[in-house]
Amino acid sequence: MTWEYKSSFFDADSYISFSNPGNQKYKTVIFGFTNIYRSILEEIQDYIFKETGEKGFIVKKAKRKEKHSDSFDLKYSNTPKIKVLRNISSIHPIKKARIQLVISKLESLTLRNGRYSNKILDERVKFEAQFFAFGK
């Protein structure tokens, strides 16, 4: 398994978006890999952990229709997960642009204590708008 494999898998079966995990006050970037085979995601998870020290977590997504299969998500969220994104070489134009934006700006806009000044809150709103502007 290589980063090139993970990058191509990311282009095909992944997402990068904003979420409010655990009902936090502020949204955070979340990204992950999706597949119907948990074992594939476990291999990816193990490789990423060995390379970056970031664990991620796997959740089961119930099938939406009877003829579909259950699927699984390997999710990464919060600022430290930028270490993982730095190793993903996406060629998907929207995902690539979002990854580059996250790598360049997210750390400076995420405070550990959660006490944001009005200036940083305004910058976070602009960042989120910029993030979702890709692909429109």
N, C-alpha and C. Protein backbone atom coordinates (compact mmCIF):
# COMPACT_ATOMS: atom_id res chain seq x y z
N MET A 1 0.85 -1.17 0.00
CA MET A 1 0.00 0.00 0.00
C MET A 1 0.90 1.24 0.00
N THR A 2 0.50 2.23 -0.77
CA THR A 2 1.30 3.45 -0.91
C THR A 2 0.39 4.68 -0.80
N TRP A 3 1.03 5.85 -0.70
CA TRP A 3 0.26 7.09 -0.71
C TRP A 3 -0.40 7.30 -2.07
N GLU A 4 0.23 6.82 -3.13
CA GLU A 4 -0.37 6.95 -4.46
C GLU A 4 -1.69 6.18 -4.52
N TYR A 5 -1.71 4.99 -3.93
CA TYR A 5 -2.94 4.20 -3.87
C TYR A 5 -4.01 4.97 -3.10
N LYS A 6 -3.64 5.50 -1.95
CA LYS A 6 -4.59 6.25 -1.14
C LYS A 6 -5.07 7.50 -1.86
N SER A 7 -4.20 8.14 -2.60
CA SER A 7 -4.61 9.32 -3.35
C SER A 7 -5.62 8.97 -4.43
N SER A 8 -5.40 7.89 -5.15
CA SER A 8 -6.35 7.50 -6.20
C SER A 8 -7.66 7.02 -5.57
N PHE A 9 -7.57 6.33 -4.45
CA PHE A 9 -8.77 5.91 -3.73
C PHE A 9 -9.54 7.14 -3.26
N PHE A 10 -8.80 8.15 -2.78
CA PHE A 10 -9.42 9.39 -2.31
C PHE A 10 -10.16 10.08 -3.45
N ASP A 11 -9.56 10.11 -4.63
CA ASP A 11 -10.22 10.73 -5.79
C ASP A 11 -11.51 10.01 -6.14
N ALA A 12 -11.53 8.70 -6.00
CA ALA A 12 -12.69 7.92 -6.42
C ALA A 12 -13.76 7.78 -5.34
N ASP A 13 -13.38 7.44 -4.14
CA ASP A 13 -14.34 7.09 -3.09
C ASP A 13 -14.06 7.83 -1.79
N SER A 14 -14.17 9.13 -1.83
CA SER A 14 -13.92 9.90 -0.62
C SER A 14 -14.72 11.19 -0.64
N TYR A 15 -14.56 11.94 0.42
CA TYR A 15 -15.21 13.25 0.53
C TYR A 15 -14.35 14.14 1.40
N ILE A 16 -14.54 15.44 1.22
CA ILE A 16 -13.92 16.43 2.10
C ILE A 16 -14.96 17.53 2.24
N SER A 17 -15.35 17.82 3.48
CA SER A 17 -16.43 18.76 3.70
C SER A 17 -16.30 19.39 5.08
N PHE A 18 -17.33 20.09 5.50
CA PHE A 18 -17.40 20.67 6.83
C PHE A 18 -18.46 19.94 7.63
N SER A 19 -18.23 19.81 8.92
CA SER A 19 -19.19 19.13 9.78
C SER A 19 -19.15 19.75 11.17
N ASN A 20 -20.13 19.41 11.94
CA ASN A 20 -20.21 19.86 13.32
C ASN A 20 -20.20 18.63 14.22
N PRO A 21 -19.06 17.89 14.27
CA PRO A 21 -19.03 16.64 15.02
C PRO A 21 -19.26 16.86 16.51
N GLY A 22 -20.10 16.03 17.08
CA GLY A 22 -20.34 16.13 18.52
C GLY A 22 -21.00 17.42 18.93
N ASN A 23 -21.70 18.06 18.00
CA ASN A 23 -22.38 19.33 18.27
C ASN A 23 -21.44 20.40 18.82
N GLN A 24 -20.23 20.44 18.28
CA GLN A 24 -19.29 21.49 18.66
C GLN A 24 -19.85 22.84 18.23
N LYS A 25 -19.33 23.88 18.82
CA LYS A 25 -19.81 25.23 18.52
C LYS A 25 -19.45 25.64 17.09
N TYR A 26 -18.26 25.25 16.63
CA TYR A 26 -17.79 25.65 15.31
C TYR A 26 -17.60 24.43 14.43
N LYS A 27 -17.88 24.61 13.16
CA LYS A 27 -17.70 23.53 12.19
C LYS A 27 -16.22 23.26 12.00
N THR A 28 -15.92 22.04 11.58
CA THR A 28 -14.55 21.67 11.30
C THR A 28 -14.50 20.89 9.99
N VAL A 29 -13.35 20.86 9.39
CA VAL A 29 -13.16 20.08 8.17
C VAL A 29 -13.17 18.61 8.54
N ILE A 30 -13.86 17.84 7.75
CA ILE A 30 -13.91 16.41 7.94
C ILE A 30 -13.70 15.76 6.57
N PHE A 31 -12.95 14.70 6.52
CA PHE A 31 -12.76 14.00 5.26
C PHE A 31 -12.64 12.53 5.53
N GLY A 32 -12.87 11.74 4.51
CA GLY A 32 -12.79 10.32 4.73
C GLY A 32 -12.89 9.52 3.45
N PHE A 33 -12.75 8.23 3.64
CA PHE A 33 -12.81 7.25 2.56
C PHE A 33 -14.05 6.40 2.78
N THR A 34 -14.73 6.02 1.71
CA THR A 34 -15.96 5.23 1.79
C THR A 34 -15.82 3.98 0.96
N ASN A 35 -16.32 2.86 1.51
CA ASN A 35 -16.28 1.60 0.76
C ASN A 35 -17.24 0.61 1.42
N ILE A 36 -17.63 -0.41 0.67
CA ILE A 36 -18.48 -1.45 1.26
C ILE A 36 -17.65 -2.51 1.97
N TYR A 37 -16.35 -2.50 1.76
CA TYR A 37 -15.46 -3.48 2.39
C TYR A 37 -14.69 -2.83 3.54
N ARG A 38 -15.08 -3.18 4.75
CA ARG A 38 -14.42 -2.62 5.93
C ARG A 38 -12.93 -2.97 5.93
N SER A 39 -12.58 -4.15 5.46
CA SER A 39 -11.18 -4.59 5.49
C SER A 39 -10.27 -3.67 4.67
N ILE A 40 -10.76 -3.15 3.56
CA ILE A 40 -9.96 -2.21 2.76
C ILE A 40 -9.72 -0.94 3.56
N LEU A 41 -10.77 -0.44 4.20
CA LEU A 41 -10.63 0.78 4.99
C LEU A 41 -9.71 0.55 6.19
N GLU A 42 -9.74 -0.64 6.77
CA GLU A 42 -8.83 -0.95 7.88
C GLU A 42 -7.38 -0.95 7.42
N GLU A 43 -7.11 -1.46 6.22
CA GLU A 43 -5.75 -1.42 5.68
C GLU A 43 -5.30 0.02 5.47
N ILE A 44 -6.17 0.84 4.91
CA ILE A 44 -5.85 2.26 4.71
C ILE A 44 -5.61 2.94 6.06
N GLN A 45 -6.49 2.67 7.01
CA GLN A 45 -6.36 3.24 8.36
C GLN A 45 -5.02 2.86 8.99
N ASP A 46 -4.66 1.59 8.91
CA ASP A 46 -3.39 1.12 9.48
C ASP A 46 -2.19 1.80 8.82
N TYR A 47 -2.23 1.90 7.49
CA TYR A 47 -1.12 2.52 6.76
C TYR A 47 -0.98 4.00 7.16
N ILE A 48 -2.10 4.71 7.18
CA ILE A 48 -2.05 6.13 7.53
C ILE A 48 -1.56 6.32 8.97
N PHE A 49 -1.99 5.45 9.86
CA PHE A 49 -1.54 5.55 11.24
C PHE A 49 -0.03 5.33 11.35
N LYS A 50 0.50 4.32 10.63
CA LYS A 50 1.93 4.05 10.65
C LYS A 50 2.73 5.22 10.08
N GLU A 51 2.18 5.87 9.06
CA GLU A 51 2.90 6.95 8.39
C GLU A 51 2.78 8.31 9.09
N THR A 52 1.63 8.58 9.73
CA THR A 52 1.39 9.92 10.28
C THR A 52 1.08 9.94 11.77
N GLY A 53 0.71 8.79 12.33
CA GLY A 53 0.30 8.76 13.72
C GLY A 53 -1.16 9.15 13.92
N GLU A 54 -1.88 9.39 12.84
CA GLU A 54 -3.30 9.76 12.92
C GLU A 54 -4.15 8.53 12.71
N LYS A 55 -5.06 8.27 13.65
CA LYS A 55 -5.83 7.02 13.65
C LYS A 55 -7.05 7.05 12.74
N GLY A 56 -7.86 8.07 12.81
CA GLY A 56 -9.12 8.04 12.10
C GLY A 56 -10.06 7.04 12.75
N PHE A 57 -11.30 7.01 12.34
CA PHE A 57 -12.23 6.05 12.90
C PHE A 57 -13.17 5.56 11.82
N ILE A 58 -13.59 4.32 11.94
CA ILE A 58 -14.45 3.69 10.94
C ILE A 58 -15.86 3.58 11.53
N VAL A 59 -16.83 4.03 10.75
CA VAL A 59 -18.23 3.92 11.15
C VAL A 59 -19.00 3.19 10.06
N LYS A 60 -20.01 2.47 10.50
CA LYS A 60 -20.87 1.74 9.56
C LYS A 60 -22.03 2.64 9.15
N LYS A 61 -22.31 2.64 7.85
CA LYS A 61 -23.45 3.38 7.33
C LYS A 61 -24.47 2.35 6.83
N ALA A 62 -25.66 2.40 7.38
CA ALA A 62 -26.69 1.44 7.00
C ALA A 62 -27.11 1.67 5.55
N LYS A 63 -27.47 0.59 4.89
CA LYS A 63 -27.93 0.70 3.51
C LYS A 63 -29.23 1.49 3.46
N ARG A 64 -29.40 2.24 2.37
CA ARG A 64 -30.59 3.06 2.21
C ARG A 64 -31.72 2.32 1.51
N LYS A 65 -31.36 1.36 0.69
CA LYS A 65 -32.35 0.57 -0.03
C LYS A 65 -32.04 -0.90 0.19
N GLU A 66 -33.06 -1.72 0.14
CA GLU A 66 -32.92 -3.15 0.40
C GLU A 66 -31.87 -3.81 -0.49
N LYS A 67 -31.82 -3.43 -1.77
CA LYS A 67 -30.89 -4.07 -2.70
C LYS A 67 -29.46 -3.56 -2.58
N HIS A 68 -29.23 -2.52 -1.79
CA HIS A 68 -27.89 -1.98 -1.59
C HIS A 68 -27.17 -2.73 -0.46
N SER A 69 -25.87 -2.51 -0.38
CA SER A 69 -25.06 -3.09 0.71
C SER A 69 -24.82 -2.03 1.78
N ASP A 70 -24.56 -2.49 3.00
CA ASP A 70 -24.08 -1.56 4.02
C ASP A 70 -22.73 -1.04 3.55
N SER A 71 -22.35 0.13 4.03
CA SER A 71 -21.04 0.66 3.67
C SER A 71 -20.36 1.19 4.92
N PHE A 72 -19.10 1.58 4.76
CA PHE A 72 -18.30 2.04 5.88
C PHE A 72 -17.58 3.32 5.49
N ASP A 73 -17.35 4.17 6.49
CA ASP A 73 -16.59 5.40 6.32
C ASP A 73 -15.38 5.36 7.23
N LEU A 74 -14.21 5.67 6.69
CA LEU A 74 -13.02 5.92 7.49
C LEU A 74 -12.90 7.43 7.55
N LYS A 75 -13.15 8.02 8.73
CA LYS A 75 -13.25 9.47 8.86
C LYS A 75 -12.05 10.06 9.60
N TYR A 76 -11.70 11.26 9.17
CA TYR A 76 -10.68 12.07 9.83
C TYR A 76 -11.26 13.47 10.00
N SER A 77 -11.07 14.03 11.20
CA SER A 77 -11.55 15.39 11.43
C SER A 77 -10.58 16.11 12.36
N ASN A 78 -10.81 17.39 12.52
CA ASN A 78 -10.01 18.26 13.38
C ASN A 78 -8.67 18.62 12.72
N THR A 79 -8.08 19.67 13.20
CA THR A 79 -6.88 20.24 12.61
C THR A 79 -5.69 19.28 12.51
N PRO A 80 -5.40 18.45 13.52
CA PRO A 80 -4.23 17.57 13.38
C PRO A 80 -4.29 16.65 12.18
N LYS A 81 -5.46 16.41 11.63
CA LYS A 81 -5.60 15.51 10.49
C LYS A 81 -5.01 16.12 9.21
N ILE A 82 -4.59 17.36 9.29
CA ILE A 82 -3.93 17.99 8.14
C ILE A 82 -2.69 17.18 7.75
N LYS A 83 -2.07 16.51 8.72
CA LYS A 83 -0.91 15.65 8.40
C LYS A 83 -1.27 14.60 7.36
N VAL A 84 -2.49 14.10 7.43
CA VAL A 84 -2.93 13.10 6.46
C VAL A 84 -3.14 13.77 5.10
N LEU A 85 -3.81 14.90 5.08
CA LEU A 85 -4.08 15.59 3.80
C LEU A 85 -2.81 16.01 3.09
N ARG A 86 -1.76 16.30 3.83
CA ARG A 86 -0.49 16.70 3.20
C ARG A 86 0.09 15.57 2.34
N ASN A 87 -0.33 14.35 2.60
CA ASN A 87 0.17 13.20 1.86
C ASN A 87 -0.74 12.75 0.73
N ILE A 88 -1.91 13.36 0.61
CA ILE A 88 -2.86 12.99 -0.44
C ILE A 88 -2.61 13.88 -1.65
N SER A 89 -2.35 13.27 -2.79
CA SER A 89 -2.10 14.01 -4.04
C SER A 89 -3.29 13.83 -4.97
N SER A 90 -4.36 14.51 -4.64
CA SER A 90 -5.58 14.39 -5.43
C SER A 90 -5.42 15.07 -6.79
N ILE A 91 -6.02 14.46 -7.81
CA ILE A 91 -6.08 15.13 -9.10
C ILE A 91 -7.51 15.58 -9.41
N HIS A 92 -8.46 15.20 -8.54
CA HIS A 92 -9.84 15.67 -8.68
C HIS A 92 -9.83 17.18 -8.43
N PRO A 93 -10.28 17.99 -9.38
CA PRO A 93 -10.10 19.44 -9.26
C PRO A 93 -10.71 20.07 -8.00
N ILE A 94 -11.89 19.65 -7.61
CA ILE A 94 -12.51 20.24 -6.42
C ILE A 94 -11.82 19.76 -5.16
N LYS A 95 -11.58 18.48 -5.06
CA LYS A 95 -10.91 17.93 -3.87
C LYS A 95 -9.50 18.50 -3.73
N LYS A 96 -8.79 18.61 -4.85
CA LYS A 96 -7.43 19.16 -4.83
C LYS A 96 -7.43 20.59 -4.32
N ALA A 97 -8.36 21.41 -4.81
CA ALA A 97 -8.44 22.81 -4.38
C ALA A 97 -8.80 22.91 -2.90
N ARG A 98 -9.72 22.07 -2.45
CA ARG A 98 -10.11 22.09 -1.04
C ARG A 98 -8.96 21.65 -0.14
N ILE A 99 -8.23 20.62 -0.55
CA ILE A 99 -7.09 20.16 0.24
C ILE A 99 -6.06 21.28 0.37
N GLN A 100 -5.74 21.93 -0.74
CA GLN A 100 -4.74 23.00 -0.70
C GLN A 100 -5.20 24.15 0.19
N LEU A 101 -6.48 24.49 0.14
CA LEU A 101 -7.01 25.55 0.99
C LEU A 101 -6.91 25.16 2.47
N VAL A 102 -7.30 23.95 2.79
CA VAL A 102 -7.25 23.47 4.18
C VAL A 102 -5.82 23.49 4.70
N ILE A 103 -4.89 22.97 3.90
CA ILE A 103 -3.49 22.93 4.33
C ILE A 103 -2.94 24.34 4.56
N SER A 104 -3.32 25.27 3.71
CA SER A 104 -2.74 26.61 3.81
C SER A 104 -3.38 27.48 4.89
N LYS A 105 -4.65 27.23 5.25
CA LYS A 105 -5.32 28.18 6.15
C LYS A 105 -5.91 27.62 7.44
N LEU A 106 -6.27 26.36 7.48
CA LEU A 106 -7.07 25.88 8.60
C LEU A 106 -6.38 26.00 9.95
N GLU A 107 -5.10 25.65 10.03
CA GLU A 107 -4.41 25.69 11.33
C GLU A 107 -4.43 27.09 11.94
N SER A 108 -4.24 28.11 11.13
CA SER A 108 -4.21 29.47 11.66
C SER A 108 -5.60 29.96 12.07
N LEU A 109 -6.64 29.28 11.60
CA LEU A 109 -8.01 29.69 11.92
C LEU A 109 -8.68 28.79 12.98
N THR A 110 -7.90 27.88 13.54
CA THR A 110 -8.45 26.96 14.55
C THR A 110 -7.66 27.10 15.84
N LEU A 111 -8.31 27.65 16.84
CA LEU A 111 -7.66 27.87 18.13
C LEU A 111 -7.98 26.71 19.07
N ARG A 112 -6.99 26.25 19.78
CA ARG A 112 -7.16 25.11 20.69
C ARG A 112 -8.14 25.43 21.83
N ASN A 113 -8.15 26.67 22.29
CA ASN A 113 -9.02 27.00 23.42
C ASN A 113 -10.44 27.35 23.00
N GLY A 114 -10.69 27.49 21.69
CA GLY A 114 -12.03 27.79 21.20
C GLY A 114 -12.49 29.21 21.43
N ARG A 115 -11.60 30.06 21.88
CA ARG A 115 -11.96 31.47 22.13
C ARG A 115 -11.54 32.29 20.92
N TYR A 116 -12.47 32.49 20.04
CA TYR A 116 -12.20 33.17 18.79
C TYR A 116 -12.53 34.65 18.87
N SER A 117 -11.63 35.47 18.36
CA SER A 117 -11.92 36.90 18.25
C SER A 117 -12.90 37.09 17.08
N ASN A 118 -13.51 38.23 17.03
CA ASN A 118 -14.43 38.52 15.92
C ASN A 118 -13.69 38.48 14.58
N LYS A 119 -12.44 38.91 14.58
CA LYS A 119 -11.65 38.89 13.34
C LYS A 119 -11.46 37.45 12.85
N ILE A 120 -11.10 36.55 13.74
CA ILE A 120 -10.88 35.15 13.33
C ILE A 120 -12.21 34.50 12.95
N LEU A 121 -13.28 34.82 13.65
CA LEU A 121 -14.59 34.29 13.27
C LEU A 121 -14.97 34.73 11.87
N ASP A 122 -14.71 35.99 11.55
CA ASP A 122 -14.97 36.49 10.19
C ASP A 122 -14.12 35.74 9.17
N GLU A 123 -12.85 35.49 9.51
CA GLU A 123 -11.96 34.77 8.60
C GLU A 123 -12.43 33.33 8.40
N ARG A 124 -12.95 32.72 9.47
CA ARG A 124 -13.47 31.35 9.35
C ARG A 124 -14.69 31.31 8.42
N VAL A 125 -15.55 32.30 8.52
CA VAL A 125 -16.73 32.37 7.64
C VAL A 125 -16.27 32.51 6.19
N LYS A 126 -15.28 33.36 5.96
CA LYS A 126 -14.74 33.53 4.59
C LYS A 126 -14.09 32.23 4.10
N PHE A 127 -13.36 31.58 4.99
CA PHE A 127 -12.71 30.31 4.66
C PHE A 127 -13.75 29.27 4.24
N GLU A 128 -14.82 29.15 5.01
CA GLU A 128 -15.87 28.18 4.68
C GLU A 128 -16.52 28.52 3.35
N ALA A 129 -16.80 29.80 3.09
CA ALA A 129 -17.38 30.21 1.82
C ALA A 129 -16.44 29.89 0.65
N GLN A 130 -15.16 30.14 0.86
CA GLN A 130 -14.15 29.85 -0.15
C GLN A 130 -14.08 28.33 -0.41
N PHE A 131 -14.14 27.55 0.65
CA PHE A 131 -14.09 26.10 0.57
C PHE A 131 -15.24 25.56 -0.31
N PHE A 132 -16.43 26.06 -0.07
CA PHE A 132 -17.60 25.57 -0.81
C PHE A 132 -17.76 26.23 -2.17
N ALA A 133 -17.01 27.27 -2.46
CA ALA A 133 -17.09 27.93 -3.76
C ALA A 133 -16.48 27.08 -4.87
N PHE A 134 -15.57 26.18 -4.50
CA PHE A 134 -14.96 25.30 -5.52
C PHE A 134 -16.04 24.40 -6.10
N GLY A 135 -16.10 24.37 -7.39
CA GLY A 135 -17.06 23.50 -8.08
C GLY A 135 -18.35 24.19 -8.45
N LYS A 136 -18.53 25.43 -8.07
CA LYS A 136 -19.76 26.15 -8.44
C LYS A 136 -19.61 26.82 -9.77
